[in-house]
PDB file of N, CA and C in Angstrom:
ATOM      1  N   MET A   1     -19.895  58.104  12.246  1.00  0.00           N
ATOM      2  CA  MET A   1     -19.129  57.180  13.045  1.00  0.00           C
ATOM      3  C   MET A   1     -18.659  56.030  12.155  1.00  0.00           C
ATOM      4  N   GLU A   2     -17.372  55.881  12.017  1.00  0.00           N
ATOM      5  CA  GLU A   2     -16.819  54.831  11.172  1.00  0.00           C
ATOM      6  C   GLU A   2     -16.376  53.656  12.027  1.00  0.00           C
ATOM      7  N   ARG A   3     -16.563  52.464  11.469  1.00  0.00           N
ATOM      8  CA  ARG A   3     -16.167  51.244  12.168  1.00  0.00           C
ATOM      9  C   ARG A   3     -15.048  50.569  11.408  1.00  0.00           C
ATOM     10  N   ASP A   4     -14.167  49.945  12.163  1.00  0.00           N
ATOM     11  CA  ASP A   4     -13.125  49.134  11.551  1.00  0.00           C
ATOM     12  C   ASP A   4     -13.739  47.789  11.182  1.00  0.00           C
ATOM     13  N   GLU A   5     -13.501  47.297   9.965  1.00  0.00           N
ATOM     14  CA  GLU A   5     -14.104  46.039   9.518  1.00  0.00           C
ATOM     15  C   GLU A   5     -13.603  44.837  10.316  1.00  0.00           C
ATOM     16  N   ASP A   6     -12.415  44.919  10.904  1.00  0.00           N
ATOM     17  CA  ASP A   6     -11.894  43.805  11.695  1.00  0.00           C
ATOM     18  C   ASP A   6     -12.530  43.731  13.077  1.00  0.00           C
ATOM     19  N   GLU A   7     -13.155  44.789  13.491  1.00  0.00           N
ATOM     20  CA  GLU A   7     -13.786  44.836  14.809  1.00  0.00           C
ATOM     21  C   GLU A   7     -15.117  44.088  14.766  1.00  0.00           C
ATOM     22  N   PRO A   8     -15.361  43.153  15.703  1.00  0.00           N
ATOM     23  CA  PRO A   8     -16.624  42.400  15.668  1.00  0.00           C
ATOM     24  C   PRO A   8     -17.810  43.294  16.015  1.00  0.00           C
ATOM     25  N   ARG A   9     -18.936  42.976  15.458  1.00  0.00           N
ATOM     26  CA  ARG A   9     -20.147  43.736  15.765  1.00  0.00           C
ATOM     27  C   ARG A   9     -20.599  43.383  17.177  1.00  0.00           C
ATOM     28  N   PRO A  10     -21.128  44.334  17.898  1.00  0.00           N
ATOM     29  CA  PRO A  10     -21.473  44.064  19.300  1.00  0.00           C
ATOM     30  C   PRO A  10     -22.611  43.068  19.484  1.00  0.00           C
ATOM     31  N   TRP A  11     -23.462  42.870  18.503  1.00  0.00           N
ATOM     32  CA  TRP A  11     -24.594  41.967  18.667  1.00  0.00           C
ATOM     33  C   TRP A  11     -24.315  40.551  18.186  1.00  0.00           C
ATOM     34  N   THR A  12     -23.162  40.289  17.641  1.00  0.00           N
ATOM     35  CA  THR A  12     -22.835  38.938  17.200  1.00  0.00           C
ATOM     36  C   THR A  12     -21.909  38.273  18.216  1.00  0.00           C
ATOM     37  N   PRO A  13     -22.196  37.030  18.575  1.00  0.00           N
ATOM     38  CA  PRO A  13     -21.306  36.340  19.517  1.00  0.00           C
ATOM     39  C   PRO A  13     -19.955  36.037  18.873  1.00  0.00           C
ATOM     40  N   ALA A  14     -18.954  35.878  19.690  1.00  0.00           N
ATOM     41  CA  ALA A  14     -17.607  35.593  19.189  1.00  0.00           C
ATOM     42  C   ALA A  14     -17.576  34.212  18.545  1.00  0.00           C
ATOM     43  N   GLU A  15     -16.826  34.093  17.465  1.00  0.00           N
ATOM     44  CA  GLU A  15     -16.658  32.797  16.813  1.00  0.00           C
ATOM     45  C   GLU A  15     -15.402  32.145  17.359  1.00  0.00           C
ATOM     46  N   HIS A  16     -15.467  30.852  17.569  1.00  0.00           N
ATOM     47  CA  HIS A  16     -14.345  30.102  18.107  1.00  0.00           C
ATOM     48  C   HIS A  16     -13.723  29.202  17.044  1.00  0.00           C
ATOM     49  N   LEU A  17     -13.782  29.654  15.802  1.00  0.00           N
ATOM     50  CA  LEU A  17     -13.242  28.864  14.706  1.00  0.00           C
ATOM     51  C   LEU A  17     -11.755  29.149  14.537  1.00  0.00           C
ATOM     52  N   PRO A  18     -10.977  28.117  14.205  1.00  0.00           N
ATOM     53  CA  PRO A  18      -9.567  28.349  13.889  1.00  0.00           C
ATOM     54  C   PRO A  18      -9.435  29.197  12.619  1.00  0.00           C
ATOM     55  N   THR A  19      -8.322  29.870  12.487  1.00  0.00           N
ATOM     56  CA  THR A  19      -8.135  30.733  11.315  1.00  0.00           C
ATOM     57  C   THR A  19      -8.123  29.933  10.017  1.00  0.00           C
ATOM     58  N   ASP A  20      -7.616  28.701  10.054  1.00  0.00           N
ATOM     59  CA  ASP A  20      -7.626  27.864   8.852  1.00  0.00           C
ATOM     60  C   ASP A  20      -9.054  27.589   8.393  1.00  0.00           C
ATOM     61  N   ALA A  21      -9.937  27.313   9.335  1.00  0.00           N
ATOM     62  CA  ALA A  21     -11.333  27.044   8.990  1.00  0.00           C
ATOM     63  C   ALA A  21     -12.002  28.297   8.440  1.00  0.00           C
ATOM     64  N   GLN A  22     -11.676  29.443   8.998  1.00  0.00           N
ATOM     65  CA  GLN A  22     -12.249  30.682   8.490  1.00  0.00           C
ATOM     66  C   GLN A  22     -11.750  30.970   7.078  1.00  0.00           C
ATOM     67  N   ARG A  23     -10.470  30.672   6.805  1.00  0.00           N
ATOM     68  CA  ARG A  23      -9.938  30.880   5.458  1.00  0.00           C
ATOM     69  C   ARG A  23     -10.599  29.955   4.444  1.00  0.00           C
ATOM     70  N   MET A  24     -11.024  28.779   4.894  1.00  0.00           N
ATOM     71  CA  MET A  24     -11.709  27.841   3.996  1.00  0.00           C
ATOM     72  C   MET A  24     -13.155  28.250   3.753  1.00  0.00           C
ATOM     73  N   GLY A  25     -13.615  29.270   4.449  1.00  0.00           N
ATOM     74  CA  GLY A  25     -14.976  29.753   4.252  1.00  0.00           C
ATOM     75  C   GLY A  25     -15.983  29.184   5.220  1.00  0.00           C
ATOM     76  N   LEU A  26     -15.520  28.482   6.240  1.00  0.00           N
ATOM     77  CA  LEU A  26     -16.446  27.937   7.220  1.00  0.00           C
ATOM     78  C   LEU A  26     -16.895  29.032   8.184  1.00  0.00           C
ATOM     79  N   SER A  27     -18.132  28.960   8.582  1.00  0.00           N
ATOM     80  CA  SER A  27     -18.678  29.861   9.592  1.00  0.00           C
ATOM     81  C   SER A  27     -19.679  29.062  10.406  1.00  0.00           C
ATOM     82  N   ARG A  28     -20.249  29.678  11.404  1.00  0.00           N
ATOM     83  CA  ARG A  28     -21.226  28.973  12.231  1.00  0.00           C
ATOM     84  C   ARG A  28     -22.514  28.687  11.474  1.00  0.00           C
ATOM     85  N   ASN A  29     -22.651  29.206  10.258  1.00  0.00           N
ATOM     86  CA  ASN A  29     -23.872  29.026   9.482  1.00  0.00           C
ATOM     87  C   ASN A  29     -23.862  27.774   8.620  1.00  0.00           C
ATOM     88  N   VAL A  30     -22.745  27.068   8.552  1.00  0.00           N
ATOM     89  CA  VAL A  30     -22.678  25.807   7.813  1.00  0.00           C
ATOM     90  C   VAL A  30     -22.474  24.679   8.824  1.00  0.00           C
ATOM     91  N   PRO A  31     -22.955  23.469   8.539  1.00  0.00           N
ATOM     92  CA  PRO A  31     -22.889  22.396   9.533  1.00  0.00           C
ATOM     93  C   PRO A  31     -21.487  22.100  10.066  1.00  0.00           C
ATOM     94  N   ASP A  32     -20.503  21.988   9.190  1.00  0.00           N
ATOM     95  CA  ASP A  32     -19.148  21.690   9.661  1.00  0.00           C
ATOM     96  C   ASP A  32     -18.587  22.833  10.496  1.00  0.00           C
ATOM     97  N   GLY A  33     -18.858  24.042  10.078  1.00  0.00           N
ATOM     98  CA  GLY A  33     -18.392  25.199  10.828  1.00  0.00           C
ATOM     99  C   GLY A  33     -19.084  25.322  12.175  1.00  0.00           C
ATOM    100  N   ALA A  34     -20.365  24.983  12.213  1.00  0.00           N
ATOM    101  CA  ALA A  34     -21.098  25.041  13.478  1.00  0.00           C
ATOM    102  C   ALA A  34     -20.541  24.025  14.475  1.00  0.00           C
ATOM    103  N   MET A  35     -20.192  22.839  13.980  1.00  0.00           N
ATOM    104  CA  MET A  35     -19.616  21.822  14.869  1.00  0.00           C
ATOM    105  C   MET A  35     -18.243  22.271  15.372  1.00  0.00           C
ATOM    106  N   LEU A  36     -17.423  22.831  14.501  1.00  0.00           N
ATOM    107  CA  LEU A  36     -16.120  23.348  14.913  1.00  0.00           C
ATOM    108  C   LEU A  36     -16.258  24.501  15.907  1.00  0.00           C
ATOM    109  N   ASP A  37     -17.218  25.388  15.668  1.00  0.00           N
ATOM    110  CA  ASP A  37     -17.436  26.514  16.566  1.00  0.00           C
ATOM    111  C   ASP A  37     -17.887  26.023  17.934  1.00  0.00           C
ATOM    112  N   PHE A  38     -18.787  25.046  17.946  1.00  0.00           N
ATOM    113  CA  PHE A  38     -19.277  24.487  19.203  1.00  0.00           C
ATOM    114  C   PHE A  38     -18.146  23.817  19.976  1.00  0.00           C
ATOM    115  N   ALA A  39     -17.362  22.998  19.287  1.00  0.00           N
ATOM    116  CA  ALA A  39     -16.255  22.311  19.954  1.00  0.00           C
ATOM    117  C   ALA A  39     -15.191  23.294  20.422  1.00  0.00           C
ATOM    118  N   GLY A  40     -14.976  24.358  19.677  1.00  0.00           N
ATOM    119  CA  GLY A  40     -13.991  25.353  20.071  1.00  0.00           C
ATOM    120  C   GLY A  40     -14.415  26.178  21.264  1.00  0.00           C
ATOM    121  N   ALA A  41     -15.712  26.233  21.509  1.00  0.00           N
ATOM    122  CA  ALA A  41     -16.218  27.014  22.642  1.00  0.00           C
ATOM    123  C   ALA A  41     -16.173  26.229  23.949  1.00  0.00           C
ATOM    124  N   LEU A  42     -15.878  24.928  23.887  1.00  0.00           N
ATOM    125  CA  LEU A  42     -15.831  24.128  25.113  1.00  0.00           C
ATOM    126  C   LEU A  42     -14.632  24.531  25.958  1.00  0.00           C
ATOM    127  N   ASP A  43     -14.835  24.570  27.267  1.00  0.00           N
ATOM    128  CA  ASP A  43     -13.792  24.968  28.217  1.00  0.00           C
ATOM    129  C   ASP A  43     -13.386  23.736  29.023  1.00  0.00           C
ATOM    130  N   SER A  44     -12.123  23.325  28.900  1.00  0.00           N
ATOM    131  CA  SER A  44     -11.679  22.088  29.553  1.00  0.00           C
ATOM    132  C   SER A  44     -11.640  22.192  31.076  1.00  0.00           C
ATOM    133  N   SER A  45     -11.760  23.374  31.624  1.00  0.00           N
ATOM    134  CA  SER A  45     -11.750  23.502  33.084  1.00  0.00           C
ATOM    135  C   SER A  45     -13.119  23.199  33.685  1.00  0.00           C
ATOM    136  N   LYS A  46     -14.141  23.074  32.860  1.00  0.00           N
ATOM    137  CA  LYS A  46     -15.500  22.784  33.349  1.00  0.00           C
ATOM    138  C   LYS A  46     -15.819  21.321  33.116  1.00  0.00           C
ATOM    139  N   LEU A  47     -16.303  20.661  34.143  1.00  0.00           N
ATOM    140  CA  LEU A  47     -16.610  19.228  34.063  1.00  0.00           C
ATOM    141  C   LEU A  47     -17.681  18.943  33.011  1.00  0.00           C
ATOM    142  N   SER A  48     -18.711  19.756  32.971  1.00  0.00           N
ATOM    143  CA  SER A  48     -19.789  19.510  32.002  1.00  0.00           C
ATOM    144  C   SER A  48     -19.281  19.626  30.566  1.00  0.00           C
ATOM    145  N   HIS A  49     -18.348  20.528  30.309  1.00  0.00           N
ATOM    146  CA  HIS A  49     -17.797  20.671  28.964  1.00  0.00           C
ATOM    147  C   HIS A  49     -16.934  19.464  28.601  1.00  0.00           C
ATOM    148  N   ARG A  50     -16.204  18.937  29.597  1.00  0.00           N
ATOM    149  CA  ARG A  50     -15.403  17.732  29.326  1.00  0.00           C
ATOM    150  C   ARG A  50     -16.307  16.548  29.026  1.00  0.00           C
ATOM    151  N   LEU A  51     -17.428  16.439  29.744  1.00  0.00           N
ATOM    152  CA  LEU A  51     -18.375  15.348  29.480  1.00  0.00           C
ATOM    153  C   LEU A  51     -18.966  15.468  28.077  1.00  0.00           C
ATOM    154  N   VAL A  52     -19.306  16.678  27.673  1.00  0.00           N
ATOM    155  CA  VAL A  52     -19.834  16.891  26.329  1.00  0.00           C
ATOM    156  C   VAL A  52     -18.786  16.514  25.285  1.00  0.00           C
ATOM    157  N   ALA A  53     -17.532  16.847  25.533  1.00  0.00           N
ATOM    158  CA  ALA A  53     -16.464  16.492  24.595  1.00  0.00           C
ATOM    159  C   ALA A  53     -16.333  14.982  24.465  1.00  0.00           C
ATOM    160  N   TRP A  54     -16.431  14.252  25.561  1.00  0.00           N
ATOM    161  CA  TRP A  54     -16.357  12.786  25.509  1.00  0.00           C
ATOM    162  C   TRP A  54     -17.556  12.208  24.765  1.00  0.00           C
ATOM    163  N   VAL A  55     -18.726  12.774  24.966  1.00  0.00           N
ATOM    164  CA  VAL A  55     -19.921  12.300  24.249  1.00  0.00           C
ATOM    165  C   VAL A  55     -19.761  12.552  22.748  1.00  0.00           C
ATOM    166  N   LEU A  56     -19.248  13.727  22.383  1.00  0.00           N
ATOM    167  CA  LEU A  56     -19.002  14.004  20.960  1.00  0.00           C
ATOM    168  C   LEU A  56     -17.995  13.028  20.367  1.00  0.00           C
ATOM    169  N   LEU A  57     -16.936  12.753  21.115  1.00  0.00           N
ATOM    170  CA  LEU A  57     -15.931  11.806  20.638  1.00  0.00           C
ATOM    171  C   LEU A  57     -16.548  10.429  20.424  1.00  0.00           C
ATOM    172  N   ALA A  58     -17.355   9.990  21.370  1.00  0.00           N
ATOM    173  CA  ALA A  58     -18.017   8.685  21.233  1.00  0.00           C
ATOM    174  C   ALA A  58     -18.984   8.681  20.046  1.00  0.00           C
ATOM    175  N   ALA A  59     -19.690   9.785  19.851  1.00  0.00           N
ATOM    176  CA  ALA A  59     -20.659   9.863  18.751  1.00  0.00           C
ATOM    177  C   ALA A  59     -19.974   9.755  17.392  1.00  0.00           C
ATOM    178  N   PHE A  60     -18.743  10.220  17.296  1.00  0.00           N
ATOM    179  CA  PHE A  60     -18.020  10.126  16.029  1.00  0.00           C
ATOM    180  C   PHE A  60     -17.281   8.797  15.888  1.00  0.00           C
ATOM    181  N   LEU A  61     -16.836   8.215  16.987  1.00  0.00           N
ATOM    182  CA  LEU A  61     -16.042   6.988  16.901  1.00  0.00           C
ATOM    183  C   LEU A  61     -16.870   5.710  16.826  1.00  0.00           C
ATOM    184  N   VAL A  62     -18.020   5.673  17.456  1.00  0.00           N
ATOM    185  CA  VAL A  62     -18.830   4.445  17.470  1.00  0.00           C
ATOM    186  C   VAL A  62     -19.205   3.999  16.059  1.00  0.00           C
ATOM    187  N   PRO A  63     -19.700   4.867  15.181  1.00  0.00           N
ATOM    188  CA  PRO A  63     -20.007   4.399  13.815  1.00  0.00           C
ATOM    189  C   PRO A  63     -18.775   3.878  13.071  1.00  0.00           C
ATOM    190  N   VAL A  64     -17.638   4.511  13.293  1.00  0.00           N
ATOM    191  CA  VAL A  64     -16.405   4.052  12.638  1.00  0.00           C
ATOM    192  C   VAL A  64     -16.034   2.664  13.142  1.00  0.00           C
ATOM    193  N   LEU A  65     -16.076   2.478  14.456  1.00  0.00           N
ATOM    194  CA  LEU A  65     -15.742   1.172  15.029  1.00  0.00           C
ATOM    195  C   LEU A  65     -16.707   0.083  14.577  1.00  0.00           C
ATOM    196  N   LEU A  66     -17.990   0.402  14.512  1.00  0.00           N
ATOM    197  CA  LEU A  66     -18.971  -0.586  14.051  1.00  0.00           C
ATOM    198  C   LEU A  66     -18.746  -0.954  12.584  1.00  0.00           C
ATOM    199  N   THR A  67     -18.366   0.011  11.780  1.00  0.00           N
ATOM    200  CA  THR A  67     -18.088  -0.263  10.365  1.00  0.00           C
ATOM    201  C   THR A  67     -16.849  -1.146  10.234  1.00  0.00           C
ATOM    202  N   VAL A  68     -15.811  -0.870  11.000  1.00  0.00           N
ATOM    203  CA  VAL A  68     -14.607  -1.689  10.955  1.00  0.00           C
ATOM    204  C   VAL A  68     -14.911  -3.110  11.406  1.00  0.00           C
ATOM    205  N   LEU A  69     -15.685  -3.252  12.468  1.00  0.00           N
ATOM    206  CA  LEU A  69     -16.059  -4.594  12.952  1.00  0.00           C
ATOM    207  C   LEU A  69     -16.877  -5.347  11.916  1.00  0.00           C
ATOM    208  N   ARG A  70     -17.746  -4.635  11.202  1.00  0.00           N
ATOM    209  CA  ARG A  70     -18.563  -5.268  10.177  1.00  0.00           C
ATOM    210  C   ARG A  70     -17.703  -5.740   9.008  1.00  0.00           C
ATOM    211  N   LEU A  71     -16.692  -4.937   8.651  1.00  0.00           N
ATOM    212  CA  LEU A  71     -15.797  -5.317   7.556  1.00  0.00           C
ATOM    213  C   LEU A  71     -14.908  -6.502   7.931  1.00  0.00           C
ATOM    214  N   LEU A  72     -14.488  -6.578   9.191  1.00  0.00           N
ATOM    215  CA  LEU A  72     -13.637  -7.663   9.641  1.00  0.00           C
ATOM    216  C   LEU A  72     -14.408  -8.956   9.883  1.00  0.00           C
ATOM    217  N   GLY A  73     -15.682  -8.841  10.197  1.00  0.00           N
ATOM    218  CA  GLY A  73     -16.481 -10.026  10.571  1.00  0.00           C
ATOM    219  C   GLY A  73     -17.170 -10.693   9.458  1.00  0.00           C
TER     220      GLY A  73
END
């Protein structure tokens, strides 16, 4: 029984990485790829997924804003 290499294996979950990220060598096994895969799996039609997206956005923006405020003050 031969398998096509482009066909995903049945025991591995689907990856939600953009093709650009895959070309750069990112996968769910590296931290940046795992974050991209997680964010790509979020479904905007679900309220809980939208809340998680807002929390992620805040988690990335708060340190930036605090650093800018520290530099200005």
